[in-house]
C-alpha atoms as a PDB file:
ATOM      1  CA  MET A   1      51.363-171.720-173.959  1.00  0.00           C
ATOM      2  CA  LYS A   2      53.757-169.722-171.883  1.00  0.00           C
ATOM      3  CA  GLY A   3      55.703-168.504-175.041  1.00  0.00           C
ATOM      4  CA  PHE A   4      52.526-167.452-176.738  1.00  0.00           C
ATOM      5  CA  PHE A   5      51.375-165.724-173.537  1.00  0.00           C
ATOM      6  CA  ILE A   6      54.646-163.564-173.634  1.00  0.00           C
ATOM      7  CA  LYS A   7      54.073-162.833-177.287  1.00  0.00           C
ATOM      8  CA  LYS A   8      50.421-161.914-176.774  1.00  0.00           C
ATOM      9  CA  ALA A   9      50.947-159.693-173.692  1.00  0.00           C
ATOM     10  CA  PHE A  10      53.773-157.865-175.511  1.00  0.00           C
ATOM     11  CA  PHE A  11      51.868-157.173-178.592  1.00  0.00           C
ATOM     12  CA  ASP A  12      48.613-156.257-176.923  1.00  0.00           C
ATOM     13  CA  GLY A  13      50.684-153.726-174.770  1.00  0.00           C
ATOM     14  CA  TRP A  14      52.509-152.512-178.029  1.00  0.00           C
ATOM     15  CA  ASP A  15      49.270-152.147-179.965  1.00  0.00           C
ATOM     16  CA  ASN A  16      47.592-149.993-177.158  1.00  0.00           C
ATOM     17  CA  LEU A  17      50.828-148.324-175.918  1.00  0.00           C
ATOM     18  CA  ILE A  18      49.492-144.833-176.005  1.00  0.00           C
ATOM     19  CA  GLY A  19      46.245-145.602-174.081  1.00  0.00           C
ATOM     20  CA  MET A  20      48.272-147.790-171.586  1.00  0.00           C
ATOM     21  CA  VAL A  21      50.747-144.951-170.753  1.00  0.00           C
ATOM     22  CA  LEU A  22      47.920-142.386-170.396  1.00  0.00           C
ATOM     23  CA  PHE A  23      46.215-144.589-167.856  1.00  0.00           C
ATOM     24  CA  ASN A  24      49.536-145.075-166.045  1.00  0.00           C
ATOM     25  CA  ILE A  25      50.073-141.311-166.010  1.00  0.00           C
ATOM     26  CA  GLY A  26      46.745-140.987-164.191  1.00  0.00           C
ATOM     27  CA  TYR A  27      47.847-143.662-161.733  1.00  0.00           C
ATOM     28  CA  LEU A  28      51.154-141.977-161.200  1.00  0.00           C
ATOM     29  CA  ALA A  29      49.649-138.522-160.470  1.00  0.00           C
ATOM     30  CA  ILE A  30      47.131-139.919-158.081  1.00  0.00           C
ATOM     31  CA  ALA A  31      49.937-141.958-156.285  1.00  0.00           C
ATOM     32  CA  MET A  32      52.186-138.830-156.089  1.00  0.00           C
ATOM     33  CA  ALA A  33      49.529-136.718-154.692  1.00  0.00           C
ATOM     34  CA  PHE A  34      48.786-139.278-151.967  1.00  0.00           C
ATOM     35  CA  PHE A  35      52.425-139.750-151.361  1.00  0.00           C
ATOM     36  CA  TYR A  36      52.770-136.091-150.664  1.00  0.00           C
ATOM     37  CA  GLY A  37      49.690-136.299-148.341  1.00  0.00           C
ATOM     38  CA  PHE A  38      51.247-139.325-146.655  1.00  0.00           C
ATOM     39  CA  VAL A  39      54.399-137.467-145.952  1.00  0.00           C
ATOM     40  CA  GLU A  40      52.553-134.302-144.664  1.00  0.00           C
ATOM     41  CA  MET A  41      50.117-136.184-142.457  1.00  0.00           C
ATOM     42  CA  GLY A  42      52.998-138.238-141.172  1.00  0.00           C
ATOM     43  CA  SER A  43      54.551-135.076-139.747  1.00  0.00           C
ATOM     44  CA  ILE A  44      51.477-134.520-137.883  1.00  0.00           C
ATOM     45  CA  SER A  45      50.385-138.087-136.849  1.00  0.00           C
ATOM     46  CA  PRO A  46      51.340-141.557-137.869  1.00  0.00           C
ATOM     47  CA  MET A  47      47.666-142.562-137.754  1.00  0.00           C
ATOM     48  CA  LEU A  48      46.802-139.838-140.327  1.00  0.00           C
ATOM     49  CA  SER A  49      49.454-140.993-142.588  1.00  0.00           C
ATOM     50  CA  TYR A  50      48.026-144.605-142.395  1.00  0.00           C
ATOM     51  CA  LEU A  51      44.667-143.298-143.154  1.00  0.00           C
ATOM     52  CA  VAL A  52      45.774-141.602-146.282  1.00  0.00           C
ATOM     53  CA  LEU A  53      47.392-144.886-147.386  1.00  0.00           C
ATOM     54  CA  ALA A  54      44.096-146.697-146.867  1.00  0.00           C
ATOM     55  CA  VAL A  55      42.220-144.054-148.884  1.00  0.00           C
ATOM     56  CA  LEU A  56      44.945-144.510-151.707  1.00  0.00           C
ATOM     57  CA  LEU A  57      44.443-148.276-151.684  1.00  0.00           C
ATOM     58  CA  LEU A  58      40.663-147.656-151.885  1.00  0.00           C
ATOM     59  CA  LEU A  59      41.006-145.187-154.769  1.00  0.00           C
ATOM     60  CA  LEU A  60      43.333-147.499-156.707  1.00  0.00           C
ATOM     61  CA  SER A  61      41.090-150.505-156.175  1.00  0.00           C
ATOM     62  CA  VAL A  62      38.154-148.629-157.552  1.00  0.00           C
ATOM     63  CA  LEU A  63      40.228-147.278-160.607  1.00  0.00           C
ATOM     64  CA  MET A  64      41.598-150.716-161.241  1.00  0.00           C
ATOM     65  CA  GLY A  65      37.925-151.974-161.643  1.00  0.00           C
ATOM     66  CA  GLY A  66      37.854-149.387-164.500  1.00  0.00           C
ATOM     67  CA  THR A  67      41.076-150.256-166.130  1.00  0.00           C
ATOM     68  CA  ALA A  68      40.050-153.900-165.873  1.00  0.00           C
ATOM     69  CA  ALA A  69      37.378-153.249-168.324  1.00  0.00           C
ATOM     70  CA  VAL A  70      39.934-151.429-170.577  1.00  0.00           C
ATOM     71  CA  THR A  71      42.323-154.294-170.443  1.00  0.00           C
ATOM     72  CA  LYS A  72      39.487-156.760-171.316  1.00  0.00           C
ATOM     73  CA  ASN A  73      38.984-154.819-174.509  1.00  0.00           C
ATOM     74  CA  TYR A  74      42.744-154.763-175.273  1.00  0.00           C
ATOM     75  CA  SER A  75      42.892-158.448-174.755  1.00  0.00           C
ATOM     76  CA  ASP A  76      40.002-159.026-177.025  1.00  0.00           C
ATOM     77  CA  TYR A  77      41.692-156.763-179.747  1.00  0.00           C
ATOM     78  CA  SER A  78      39.146-153.816-179.213  1.00  0.00           C
ATOM     79  CA  ARG A  79      40.726-150.270-178.463  1.00  0.00           C
ATOM     80  CA  GLU A  80      37.669-148.825-176.799  1.00  0.00           C
ATOM     81  CA  ALA A  81      39.181-147.316-173.642  1.00  0.00           C
ATOM     82  CA  TRP A  82      37.704-144.245-172.089  1.00  0.00           C
ATOM     83  CA  ALA A  83      33.918-145.294-172.197  1.00  0.00           C
ATOM     84  CA  ALA A  84      34.924-148.763-171.112  1.00  0.00           C
ATOM     85  CA  PHE A  85      36.856-147.307-168.167  1.00  0.00           C
ATOM     86  CA  LYS A  86      33.917-145.051-166.980  1.00  0.00           C
ATOM     87  CA  GLU A  87      31.430-148.090-167.309  1.00  0.00           C
ATOM     88  CA  GLY A  88      33.993-150.600-165.620  1.00  0.00           C
ATOM     89  CA  VAL A  89      34.370-148.246-162.486  1.00  0.00           C
ATOM     90  CA  LYS A  90      30.476-148.237-161.913  1.00  0.00           C
ATOM     91  CA  ARG A  91      29.817-151.844-162.906  1.00  0.00           C
ATOM     92  CA  ASN A  92      32.726-153.449-161.074  1.00  0.00           C
ATOM     93  CA  ILE A  93      32.416-151.410-157.795  1.00  0.00           C
ATOM     94  CA  ARG A  94      31.656-154.523-155.588  1.00  0.00           C
ATOM     95  CA  HIS A  95      34.599-156.490-156.838  1.00  0.00           C
ATOM     96  CA  SER A  96      36.775-153.447-156.455  1.00  0.00           C
ATOM     97  CA  LEU A  97      35.729-153.062-152.816  1.00  0.00           C
ATOM     98  CA  LEU A  98      36.595-156.733-151.920  1.00  0.00           C
ATOM     99  CA  PHE A  99      39.942-156.252-153.779  1.00  0.00           C
ATOM    100  CA  PHE A 100      40.505-153.200-151.506  1.00  0.00           C
ATOM    101  CA  LEU A 101      39.883-155.450-148.471  1.00  0.00           C
ATOM    102  CA  PHE A 102      42.538-158.046-149.613  1.00  0.00           C
ATOM    103  CA  ALA A 103      44.868-155.236-150.555  1.00  0.00           C
ATOM    104  CA  LEU A 104      44.437-153.715-147.097  1.00  0.00           C
ATOM    105  CA  LEU A 105      45.036-157.085-145.489  1.00  0.00           C
ATOM    106  CA  PHE A 106      48.271-157.565-147.376  1.00  0.00           C
ATOM    107  CA  VAL A 107      49.486-154.019-146.341  1.00  0.00           C
ATOM    108  CA  VAL A 108      48.328-154.305-142.673  1.00  0.00           C
ATOM    109  CA  ASN A 109      50.196-157.758-142.519  1.00  0.00           C
ATOM    110  CA  ILE A 110      53.356-156.277-143.669  1.00  0.00           C
ATOM    111  CA  LEU A 111      53.333-153.023-141.583  1.00  0.00           C
ATOM    112  CA  PHE A 112      51.750-154.264-138.385  1.00  0.00           C
ATOM    113  CA  VAL A 113      51.046-157.919-137.913  1.00  0.00           C
ATOM    114  CA  ILE A 114      54.238-159.589-138.970  1.00  0.00           C
ATOM    115  CA  PRO A 115      56.411-157.124-137.101  1.00  0.00           C
ATOM    116  CA  PHE A 116      54.352-157.309-134.044  1.00  0.00           C
ATOM    117  CA  TYR A 117      54.542-161.255-133.834  1.00  0.00           C
ATOM    118  CA  SER A 118      58.105-161.305-134.927  1.00  0.00           C
ATOM    119  CA  SER A 119      59.034-159.004-131.810  1.00  0.00           C
ATOM    120  CA  TYR A 120      57.793-161.719-129.488  1.00  0.00           C
ATOM    121  CA  GLY A 121      61.127-163.406-129.829  1.00  0.00           C
ATOM    122  CA  ASN A 122      59.649-166.821-129.089  1.00  0.00           C
ATOM    123  CA  ALA A 123      58.205-170.037-130.872  1.00  0.00           C
ATOM    124  CA  PHE A 124      54.662-168.668-130.799  1.00  0.00           C
ATOM    125  CA  GLY A 125      55.539-165.438-132.425  1.00  0.00           C
ATOM    126  CA  PHE A 126      57.684-167.232-135.055  1.00  0.00           C
ATOM    127  CA  VAL A 127      54.815-169.582-135.976  1.00  0.00           C
ATOM    128  CA  ILE A 128      52.388-166.839-136.304  1.00  0.00           C
ATOM    129  CA  SER A 129      54.807-164.816-138.418  1.00  0.00           C
ATOM    130  CA  ILE A 130      55.364-167.750-140.757  1.00  0.00           C
ATOM    131  CA  ILE A 131      51.583-168.201-141.219  1.00  0.00           C
ATOM    132  CA  MET A 132      51.123-164.531-141.992  1.00  0.00           C
ATOM    133  CA  ILE A 133      53.870-164.700-144.458  1.00  0.00           C
ATOM    134  CA  TRP A 134      52.191-167.538-146.141  1.00  0.00           C
ATOM    135  CA  VAL A 135      49.042-165.544-146.268  1.00  0.00           C
ATOM    136  CA  GLU A 136      51.020-162.684-148.039  1.00  0.00           C
ATOM    137  CA  ILE A 137      52.402-165.270-150.480  1.00  0.00           C
ATOM    138  CA  ILE A 138      48.985-166.770-151.235  1.00  0.00           C
ATOM    139  CA  LEU A 139      47.502-163.263-151.807  1.00  0.00           C
ATOM    140  CA  LEU A 140      50.400-162.333-153.962  1.00  0.00           C
ATOM    141  CA  LEU A 141      49.749-165.413-156.273  1.00  0.00           C
ATOM    142  CA  CYS A 142      45.948-165.001-156.213  1.00  0.00           C
ATOM    143  CA  LEU A 143      45.111-161.388-156.572  1.00  0.00           C
ATOM    144  CA  PRO A 144      46.377-160.899-160.287  1.00  0.00           C
ATOM    145  CA  TYR A 145      43.664-163.393-161.379  1.00  0.00           C
ATOM    146  CA  TYR A 146      40.926-161.533-159.523  1.00  0.00           C
ATOM    147  CA  PHE A 147      39.935-158.689-162.014  1.00  0.00           C
ATOM    148  CA  PRO A 148      40.529-160.884-165.085  1.00  0.00           C
ATOM    149  CA  LEU A 149      38.231-163.613-163.637  1.00  0.00           C
ATOM    150  CA  MET A 150      35.686-160.936-162.972  1.00  0.00           C
ATOM    151  CA  ASN A 151      35.769-159.972-166.614  1.00  0.00           C
ATOM    152  CA  LEU A 152      35.490-163.443-167.894  1.00  0.00           C
ATOM    153  CA  LEU A 153      32.869-164.663-165.477  1.00  0.00           C
ATOM    154  CA  PRO A 154      30.829-161.435-164.907  1.00  0.00           C
ATOM    155  CA  ALA A 155      27.807-163.346-163.283  1.00  0.00           C
ATOM    156  CA  ASP A 156      29.924-164.269-160.265  1.00  0.00           C
ATOM    157  CA  ARG A 157      29.749-162.364-157.007  1.00  0.00           C
ATOM    158  CA  PRO A 158      33.038-160.907-155.634  1.00  0.00           C
ATOM    159  CA  LEU A 159      33.528-163.673-153.048  1.00  0.00           C
ATOM    160  CA  LYS A 160      32.995-166.457-155.681  1.00  0.00           C
ATOM    161  CA  THR A 161      35.405-164.743-157.869  1.00  0.00           C
ATOM    162  CA  ALA A 162      37.979-164.623-155.096  1.00  0.00           C
ATOM    163  CA  LYS A 163      37.425-168.275-154.386  1.00  0.00           C
ATOM    164  CA  LYS A 164      37.982-169.307-157.966  1.00  0.00           C
ATOM    165  CA  CYS A 165      41.285-167.405-157.835  1.00  0.00           C
ATOM    166  CA  PHE A 166      42.459-169.801-155.119  1.00  0.00           C
ATOM    167  CA  ILE A 167      41.324-172.761-157.339  1.00  0.00           C
ATOM    168  CA  ILE A 168      43.173-171.349-160.423  1.00  0.00           C
ATOM    169  CA  VAL A 169      46.487-170.999-158.441  1.00  0.00           C
ATOM    170  CA  ALA A 170      46.177-174.467-156.851  1.00  0.00           C
ATOM    171  CA  ASP A 171      45.337-175.995-160.489  1.00  0.00           C
ATOM    172  CA  ASN A 172      48.011-174.019-162.301  1.00  0.00           C
ATOM    173  CA  LEU A 173      50.770-173.636-159.866  1.00  0.00           C
ATOM    174  CA  GLY A 174      53.561-174.009-162.406  1.00  0.00           C
ATOM    175  CA  PHE A 175      52.115-171.259-164.657  1.00  0.00           C
ATOM    176  CA  THR A 176      51.391-169.055-161.599  1.00  0.00           C
ATOM    177  CA  LEU A 177      55.029-169.199-160.518  1.00  0.00           C
ATOM    178  CA  PHE A 178      56.065-168.432-164.060  1.00  0.00           C
ATOM    179  CA  TYR A 179      53.786-165.489-164.016  1.00  0.00           C
ATOM    180  CA  LEU A 180      55.091-164.347-160.704  1.00  0.00           C
ATOM    181  CA  ILE A 181      58.566-164.215-162.340  1.00  0.00           C
ATOM    182  CA  TYR A 182      57.165-162.399-165.303  1.00  0.00           C
ATOM    183  CA  SER A 183      55.481-159.798-162.850  1.00  0.00           C
ATOM    184  CA  ILE A 184      58.691-159.240-161.154  1.00  0.00           C
ATOM    185  CA  ILE A 185      60.504-158.446-164.480  1.00  0.00           C
ATOM    186  CA  CYS A 186      57.575-156.170-165.381  1.00  0.00           C
ATOM    187  CA  ILE A 187      57.922-154.339-162.072  1.00  0.00           C
ATOM    188  CA  VAL A 188      61.665-153.817-162.727  1.00  0.00           C
ATOM    189  CA  ILE A 189      60.939-152.446-166.174  1.00  0.00           C
ATOM    190  CA  SER A 190      58.151-150.156-164.694  1.00  0.00           C
ATOM    191  CA  VAL A 191      60.729-148.645-162.257  1.00  0.00           C
ATOM    192  CA  LEU A 192      63.074-148.034-164.956  1.00  0.00           C
ATOM    193  CA  THR A 193      60.365-146.315-167.045  1.00  0.00           C
ATOM    194  CA  ILE A 194      58.874-144.394-164.087  1.00  0.00           C
ATOM    195  CA  GLY A 195      55.832-146.450-163.979  1.00  0.00           C
ATOM    196  CA  LEU A 196      54.893-145.780-167.573  1.00  0.00           C
ATOM    197  CA  VAL A 197      55.522-149.062-169.302  1.00  0.00           C
ATOM    198  CA  PRO A 198      54.129-151.599-168.584  1.00  0.00           C
ATOM    199  CA  GLY A 199      53.018-150.041-165.307  1.00  0.00           C
ATOM    200  CA  LEU A 200      49.910-150.974-163.532  1.00  0.00           C
ATOM    201  CA  THR A 201      47.658-150.881-166.667  1.00  0.00           C
ATOM    202  CA  GLY A 202      50.078-153.137-168.518  1.00  0.00           C
ATOM    203  CA  MET A 203      50.392-155.649-165.802  1.00  0.00           C
ATOM    204  CA  GLN A 204      46.627-155.761-165.642  1.00  0.00           C
ATOM    205  CA  LEU A 205      46.581-156.365-169.424  1.00  0.00           C
ATOM    206  CA  ALA A 206      49.155-159.166-168.954  1.00  0.00           C
ATOM    207  CA  ALA A 207      47.060-160.829-166.206  1.00  0.00           C
ATOM    208  CA  GLN A 208      43.937-160.512-168.487  1.00  0.00           C
ATOM    209  CA  ASP A 209      45.766-162.347-171.331  1.00  0.00           C
ATOM    210  CA  ALA A 210      47.029-164.922-168.928  1.00  0.00           C
ATOM    211  CA  MET A 211      43.612-165.789-167.642  1.00  0.00           C
ATOM    212  CA  LYS A 212      42.045-165.598-171.102  1.00  0.00           C
ATOM    213  CA  LEU A 213      44.530-168.232-172.195  1.00  0.00           C
ATOM    214  CA  LEU A 214      43.839-170.444-169.174  1.00  0.00           C
ATOM    215  CA  MET A 215      40.123-170.302-169.746  1.00  0.00           C
ATOM    216  CA  PHE A 216      40.598-172.113-173.050  1.00  0.00           C
ATOM    217  CA  LYS A 217      41.886-175.062-171.077  1.00  0.00           C
ATOM    218  CA  TYR A 218      38.784-175.035-168.753  1.00  0.00           C
ATOM    219  CA  ASP A 219      36.453-174.745-171.797  1.00  0.00           C
ATOM    220  CA  TYR A 220      38.280-177.695-173.213  1.00  0.00           C
ATOM    221  CA  LEU A 221      37.982-179.789-170.155  1.00  0.00           C
ATOM    222  CA  GLU A 222      34.294-178.968-169.753  1.00  0.00           C
ATOM    223  CA  GLU A 223      33.677-180.178-173.285  1.00  0.00           C
ATOM    224  CA  ASN A 224      35.915-183.272-172.821  1.00  0.00           C
ATOM    225  CA  PRO A 225      35.573-184.393-169.224  1.00  0.00           C
ATOM    226  CA  SER A 226      37.597-187.582-169.821  1.00  0.00           C
ATOM    227  CA  ALA A 227      40.592-185.825-171.267  1.00  0.00           C
ATOM    228  CA  ASP A 228      44.083-185.998-169.716  1.00  0.00           C
ATOM    229  CA  ARG A 229      44.481-182.733-167.732  1.00  0.00           C
ATOM    230  CA  LYS A 230      48.307-182.959-168.015  1.00  0.00           C
ATOM    231  CA  HIS A 231      48.191-183.029-171.775  1.00  0.00           C
ATOM    232  CA  ILE A 232      46.326-180.120-173.050  1.00  0.00           C
ATOM    233  CA  PRO A 233      46.267-179.584-176.776  1.00  0.00           C
ATOM    234  CA  TRP A 234      47.446-176.020-176.588  1.00  0.00           C
ATOM    235  CA  GLU A 235      48.409-175.822-180.185  1.00  0.00           C
ATOM    236  CA  ASP A 236      44.799-176.525-181.247  1.00  0.00           C
ATOM    237  CA  LEU A 237      43.293-174.433-178.498  1.00  0.00           C
ATOM    238  CA  LEU A 238      45.343-171.253-179.258  1.00  0.00           C
ATOM    239  CA  TYR A 239      44.999-171.561-183.050  1.00  0.00           C
ATOM    240  CA  ASP A 240      42.540-168.726-183.471  1.00  0.00           C
ATOM    241  CA  GLU A 241      44.484-166.466-180.995  1.00  0.00           C
ATOM    242  CA  ARG A 242      47.653-167.169-182.822  1.00  0.00           C
ATOM    243  CA  GLU A 243      45.999-166.022-186.089  1.00  0.00           C
ATOM    244  CA  LYS A 244      44.585-162.813-184.542  1.00  0.00           C
ATOM    245  CA  VAL A 245      48.036-161.828-183.082  1.00  0.00           C
ATOM    246  CA  GLY A 246      49.630-162.929-186.373  1.00  0.00           C
ATOM    247  CA  PRO A 247      53.260-162.942-187.342  1.00  0.00           C
ATOM    248  CA  ARG A 248      54.966-159.800-186.361  1.00  0.00           C
ATOM    249  CA  SER A 249      58.270-158.183-187.462  1.00  0.00           C
ATOM    250  CA  LEU A 250      60.174-155.123-186.146  1.00  0.00           C
ATOM    251  CA  LYS A 251      59.193-153.240-189.317  1.00  0.00           C
ATOM    252  CA  SER A 252      55.491-153.934-188.845  1.00  0.00           C
ATOM    253  CA  MET A 253      55.683-152.818-185.137  1.00  0.00           C
ATOM    254  CA  ILE A 254      57.233-149.396-186.035  1.00  0.00           C
ATOM    255  CA  PHE A 255      55.474-148.761-189.399  1.00  0.00           C
ATOM    256  CA  PRO A 256      52.119-150.753-188.981  1.00  0.00           C
ATOM    257  CA  TRP A 257      50.464-148.538-191.699  1.00  0.00           C
ATOM    258  CA  LYS A 258      52.624-150.261-194.324  1.00  0.00           C
ATOM    259  CA  TYR A 259      51.422-153.763-193.575  1.00  0.00           C
END
């Protein structure tokens, strides 16, 4: 399953490379504008710079609700993008706002809470700091599943989606750690490509692919409640997806119109 996930995530990104880069350019433009504002406001007042940072997190969370709809289409082999983005921003606003609160908690812990308790220099401060670090780790593992689950289970309210993220991590810890390593590699590549590839959109697409494949497991277990959870027949479950991705070669990637 992990090998096919890497293949699907790569080719879904490759097949939609132009759209992915365009959305990433939009994200970069917004981030650069806010970074400029962060620096300028910081010269006036640190509180103003933090306010700019909070507004940036809010805007990015709302826009991620839009690109989540786009990456859902990409993962399902559809190239509809702009219309899906506009509809996704409106439809997913409640999920985006809860995501913003989680992202804000993550940043506040790093900037304020952990340094504050670490400065105590005693056992109490150390314990609280460790607890907050574990909160950060749990959020880091859970949040990538949030928007993909929202797409796959659209009837769920935001809090229910968040709760299921924790369940997914607990039930698929091995894959989640694998995905964390995969994400770190994607971040390194994104830095080298100035955020264009895979960038935030590409990483959302990979998360959507990961959650889509994991859902095959839960559909199978729902249909076969007595099945062994440790021995999932991935070859059978992923057969249709393998057919849709198909065999690929370097020539077919560069010259798709010839194949």
